[in-house]
Protein backbone atom coordinates (compact mmCIF):
# COMPACT_ATOMS: atom_id res chain seq x y z
CA MET A 1 -2.08 -96.54 -57.47
CA ILE A 2 1.25 -97.12 -55.75
CA ARG A 3 3.08 -96.65 -59.02
CA LEU A 4 1.13 -93.46 -59.72
CA ILE A 5 1.92 -91.91 -56.33
CA LEU A 6 5.58 -92.77 -56.55
CA GLY A 7 5.72 -91.58 -60.12
CA LEU A 8 4.36 -88.21 -59.07
CA LEU A 9 7.04 -87.98 -56.37
CA LEU A 10 10.11 -89.43 -58.01
CA LEU A 11 12.03 -88.44 -61.09
CA ILE A 12 14.84 -90.93 -61.51
CA GLY A 13 18.03 -89.11 -62.40
CA ALA A 14 20.81 -90.32 -64.62
CA ALA A 15 23.36 -92.38 -62.71
CA GLY A 16 26.73 -90.79 -62.13
CA CYS A 17 25.63 -87.21 -62.88
CA ALA A 18 26.99 -85.22 -59.93
CA ALA A 19 25.90 -81.61 -59.52
CA PRO A 20 28.68 -79.01 -59.57
CA PRO A 21 29.72 -77.47 -56.23
CA ILE A 22 27.62 -74.56 -55.02
CA ALA A 23 29.21 -71.16 -55.60
CA THR A 24 28.96 -68.59 -52.81
CA PRO A 25 27.00 -65.50 -53.93
CA VAL A 26 29.06 -62.42 -54.77
CA LEU A 27 27.57 -59.40 -53.00
CA GLU A 28 28.57 -55.78 -52.54
CA ARG A 29 30.91 -54.99 -49.68
CA ALA A 30 29.46 -55.15 -46.20
CA PRO A 31 29.75 -51.98 -44.09
CA HIS A 32 32.67 -51.72 -41.68
CA GLY A 33 32.32 -51.64 -37.93
CA LEU A 34 29.68 -54.30 -37.30
CA SER A 35 29.89 -56.44 -34.19
CA ALA A 36 29.26 -60.17 -33.80
CA GLN A 37 25.95 -59.25 -32.14
CA ASP A 38 24.99 -57.11 -35.16
CA LEU A 39 25.65 -60.03 -37.47
CA ALA A 40 23.70 -62.50 -35.33
CA GLU A 41 20.72 -60.14 -35.27
CA SER A 42 20.85 -59.71 -39.06
CA VAL A 43 20.04 -63.39 -39.70
CA TRP A 44 16.57 -63.57 -41.21
CA THR A 45 15.40 -66.16 -38.64
CA ALA A 46 16.85 -64.34 -35.60
CA SER A 47 13.70 -62.60 -34.35
CA PRO A 48 11.33 -64.73 -32.23
CA ARG A 49 8.14 -65.20 -34.24
CA VAL A 50 6.13 -67.81 -36.08
CA MET A 51 6.54 -67.81 -39.86
CA ARG A 52 4.43 -69.69 -42.37
CA ILE A 53 6.60 -70.54 -45.35
CA HIS A 54 5.41 -71.86 -48.70
CA GLN A 55 8.25 -73.44 -50.65
CA THR A 56 9.05 -75.85 -53.45
CA ALA A 57 11.83 -78.37 -52.98
CA HIS A 58 14.10 -80.46 -55.17
CA LEU A 59 16.06 -83.15 -53.33
CA SER A 60 18.82 -85.06 -55.12
CA MET A 61 19.79 -88.15 -53.17
CA ARG A 62 21.99 -91.01 -54.37
CA GLY A 63 20.89 -90.88 -58.00
CA ARG A 64 17.21 -90.11 -57.39
CA GLU A 65 15.37 -86.81 -57.74
CA PHE A 66 12.49 -85.91 -55.40
CA GLN A 67 10.19 -82.98 -56.18
CA MET A 68 7.72 -81.68 -53.60
CA ILE A 69 5.83 -78.70 -52.22
CA GLY A 70 6.43 -77.75 -48.60
CA LEU A 71 4.09 -75.94 -46.23
CA MET A 72 6.08 -75.10 -43.11
CA GLU A 73 5.41 -73.37 -39.82
CA LEU A 74 8.69 -72.16 -38.35
CA ASP A 75 8.73 -71.01 -34.72
CA THR A 76 12.01 -69.20 -34.23
CA GLY A 77 11.24 -68.50 -30.57
CA LYS A 78 10.87 -72.19 -29.70
CA ASN A 79 13.43 -73.21 -32.34
CA GLU A 80 11.19 -75.79 -33.97
CA ALA A 81 9.54 -76.39 -37.35
CA ARG A 82 6.58 -78.38 -38.66
CA LEU A 83 6.61 -79.31 -42.34
CA VAL A 84 3.92 -80.92 -44.49
CA GLY A 85 5.19 -82.19 -47.85
CA LEU A 86 2.84 -82.53 -50.83
CA ASN A 87 3.19 -83.61 -54.41
CA GLU A 88 2.03 -81.35 -57.23
CA PHE A 89 -1.51 -82.76 -57.03
CA GLY A 90 -1.85 -82.06 -53.32
CA VAL A 91 -1.32 -85.64 -52.09
CA LYS A 92 0.20 -85.52 -48.61
CA LEU A 93 3.55 -87.26 -48.54
CA PHE A 94 4.73 -86.62 -44.99
CA ASP A 95 4.25 -84.47 -41.90
CA LEU A 96 7.44 -83.87 -39.91
CA GLU A 97 8.18 -81.96 -36.73
CA VAL A 98 11.79 -80.90 -36.24
CA THR A 99 13.61 -79.51 -33.21
CA GLU A 100 17.30 -79.02 -32.47
CA ASN A 101 17.58 -82.63 -31.33
CA ASP A 102 14.69 -84.65 -32.75
CA VAL A 103 12.66 -85.41 -35.86
CA THR A 104 9.11 -86.70 -35.29
CA GLU A 105 7.12 -88.32 -38.12
CA HIS A 106 3.47 -87.42 -37.62
CA TYR A 107 2.57 -88.93 -40.98
CA LEU A 108 4.40 -90.77 -43.74
CA LEU A 109 2.70 -91.99 -46.91
CA PRO A 110 3.06 -95.79 -46.72
CA GLN A 111 4.54 -96.05 -50.20
CA ILE A 112 7.35 -93.68 -49.22
CA SER A 113 8.54 -96.14 -46.58
CA ARG A 114 10.38 -97.76 -49.50
CA PHE A 115 12.73 -94.78 -49.22
CA PRO A 116 13.54 -94.63 -45.47
CA GLN A 117 16.31 -92.07 -46.01
CA LEU A 118 13.88 -89.53 -47.47
CA SER A 119 12.22 -88.29 -44.27
CA GLU A 120 15.55 -88.51 -42.43
CA ALA A 121 17.26 -86.34 -45.06
CA VAL A 122 14.38 -83.82 -45.12
CA GLY A 123 14.27 -83.53 -41.33
CA LEU A 124 18.03 -83.17 -41.01
CA SER A 125 18.06 -80.57 -43.79
CA LEU A 126 15.36 -78.49 -42.09
CA ARG A 127 17.36 -78.48 -38.88
CA ARG A 128 20.54 -77.44 -40.66
CA ILE A 129 18.90 -74.69 -42.71
CA PHE A 130 16.48 -73.14 -40.26
CA LEU A 131 17.34 -74.18 -36.68
CA PHE A 132 20.87 -75.23 -35.85
CA PRO A 133 23.60 -74.15 -35.83
CA ALA A 134 23.07 -70.41 -35.41
CA PRO A 135 25.60 -67.66 -34.70
CA ALA A 136 26.66 -67.31 -31.06
CA PRO A 137 28.11 -63.80 -30.78
CA ASP A 138 29.51 -64.40 -27.29
CA GLN A 139 31.43 -67.48 -28.49
CA ASP A 140 32.29 -67.09 -32.17
CA ALA A 141 35.40 -65.31 -33.43
CA LEU A 142 34.73 -62.32 -35.69
CA SER A 143 36.83 -61.41 -38.73
CA TYR A 144 36.44 -59.08 -41.72
CA SER A 145 38.13 -59.55 -45.10
CA ALA A 146 37.42 -59.13 -48.81
CA GLY A 147 34.35 -57.04 -48.05
CA GLY A 148 32.61 -59.61 -45.87
CA TYR A 149 32.40 -60.88 -42.31
CA ARG A 150 33.00 -64.30 -40.81
CA LEU A 151 31.96 -65.79 -37.51
CA ALA A 152 33.80 -69.00 -36.65
CA GLY A 153 33.45 -71.23 -33.62
CA ASP A 154 32.82 -74.66 -32.14
CA ARG A 155 29.59 -76.49 -31.41
CA GLY A 156 30.74 -79.47 -29.40
CA GLU A 157 33.10 -81.35 -31.69
CA GLN A 158 31.87 -79.52 -34.78
CA LYS A 159 33.53 -76.51 -36.37
CA VAL A 160 31.11 -73.89 -37.70
CA LEU A 161 31.61 -70.97 -40.04
CA PHE A 162 29.07 -68.25 -40.90
CA GLN A 163 29.72 -65.84 -43.78
CA PHE A 164 27.98 -62.48 -44.16
CA GLY A 165 28.01 -59.96 -46.97
CA GLY A 166 26.15 -57.16 -48.71
CA ASP A 167 24.69 -53.86 -47.59
CA PRO A 168 22.49 -54.31 -45.63
CA VAL A 169 24.49 -57.25 -44.33
CA ARG A 170 22.94 -60.71 -44.69
CA LEU A 171 23.85 -64.30 -43.95
CA ILE A 172 25.04 -65.84 -47.20
CA GLU A 173 26.55 -69.16 -46.10
CA LYS A 174 27.02 -71.46 -43.15
CA THR A 175 29.38 -74.42 -43.11
CA VAL A 176 29.87 -77.24 -40.61
CA TYR A 177 32.71 -79.75 -40.60
CA GLN A 178 33.80 -82.48 -38.22
CA GLY A 179 36.17 -85.14 -39.48
CA PRO A 180 34.65 -86.53 -42.68
CA GLU A 181 31.37 -84.64 -42.12
CA HIS A 182 31.24 -81.48 -44.19
CA TRP A 183 28.10 -79.70 -45.30
CA ARG A 184 27.14 -76.19 -46.26
CA VAL A 185 24.03 -74.07 -46.75
CA VAL A 186 24.05 -71.11 -49.17
CA PHE A 187 21.40 -68.39 -49.18
CA PHE A 188 20.58 -66.56 -52.44
CA ASP A 189 18.29 -63.87 -53.86
CA TYR A 190 17.08 -62.11 -50.72
CA GLN A 191 13.56 -60.73 -51.13
CA LYS A 192 12.38 -57.53 -49.48
CA SER A 193 9.39 -57.80 -47.17
CA PRO A 194 7.75 -55.48 -44.60
CA GLN A 195 8.28 -58.25 -42.04
CA GLY A 196 11.97 -58.56 -42.91
CA ASP A 197 13.98 -59.79 -45.88
CA TYR A 198 14.23 -63.51 -46.57
CA PRO A 199 16.22 -65.63 -49.07
CA GLY A 200 14.32 -66.57 -52.19
CA ARG A 201 16.49 -69.62 -52.81
CA ILE A 202 18.46 -71.88 -50.47
CA LEU A 203 20.85 -74.69 -51.36
CA LEU A 204 22.14 -77.31 -48.95
CA GLU A 205 24.91 -79.65 -50.02
CA ASP A 206 26.20 -82.67 -48.12
CA ARG A 207 28.56 -84.53 -50.43
CA GLN A 208 29.62 -87.00 -47.73
CA ALA A 209 26.01 -88.16 -47.19
CA GLY A 210 25.32 -87.92 -50.91
CA TYR A 211 22.44 -85.47 -51.11
CA ARG A 212 21.63 -81.93 -52.14
CA LEU A 213 18.48 -79.92 -51.41
CA GLU A 214 17.28 -76.84 -53.25
CA LEU A 215 14.47 -74.76 -51.75
CA ASN A 216 12.64 -72.00 -53.57
CA ILE A 217 10.70 -69.92 -51.07
CA GLU A 218 7.46 -68.75 -52.68
CA SER A 219 6.10 -66.74 -49.74
CA VAL A 220 6.63 -65.97 -46.07
CA ARG A 221 3.87 -64.78 -43.76
CA ILE A 222 3.95 -64.01 -40.07
CA LYS A 223 1.32 -65.96 -38.14
CA ASP A 224 -1.67 -63.87 -37.06
CA GLU A 225 -0.68 -60.92 -39.23
CA PRO A 226 -3.70 -59.29 -40.97
CA THR A 227 -4.47 -60.43 -44.50
CA GLU A 228 -4.54 -57.78 -47.22
CA ASN A 229 -7.95 -57.24 -48.82
């Protein structure tokens, strides 16, 4: 049974096969005249609400490949997320709660304890993608070049950079670096929705820590919104 569960979760990748660097999406020129506040408000997670996000995930970590389904409740008002990870047969792998500062394991499949870095990497990735850092229009420096905007600033000892492009303008990349730490999140394929556009695909790359996460967002619903008949 243990072998079966792990086999459903893990696909062992070929050793030494590094993924190529992520390319930033090329979008049409962003309109002139936007302020740092305009850019901060354009981020798809900027409005305070509770979103229920169904996603599939592919995590590459130190030569191993992890495939899973994620059911997440993201509260952008409280700046916290709760994620339940499943395998393709619906077996619950973990249940994590993530805030700006903490990751709480509410459940972890015992067999997955063989891979202690898995829940740590997933929790850290959720924080980086959905929670922190976020643009701070009263702190970050605004620039416009090559048809896109940049907001750059400091978060403690970390340097942060947010890149925006397209019309309507959207967040396409955020990067954090501090000494040897250097990671980036790239947002692709924005989907139109009555509740607001959202990226259909998200890639996070942390080459220093040795992992890469790809999320494909299947659906986004706002909590308590009426269901179509």
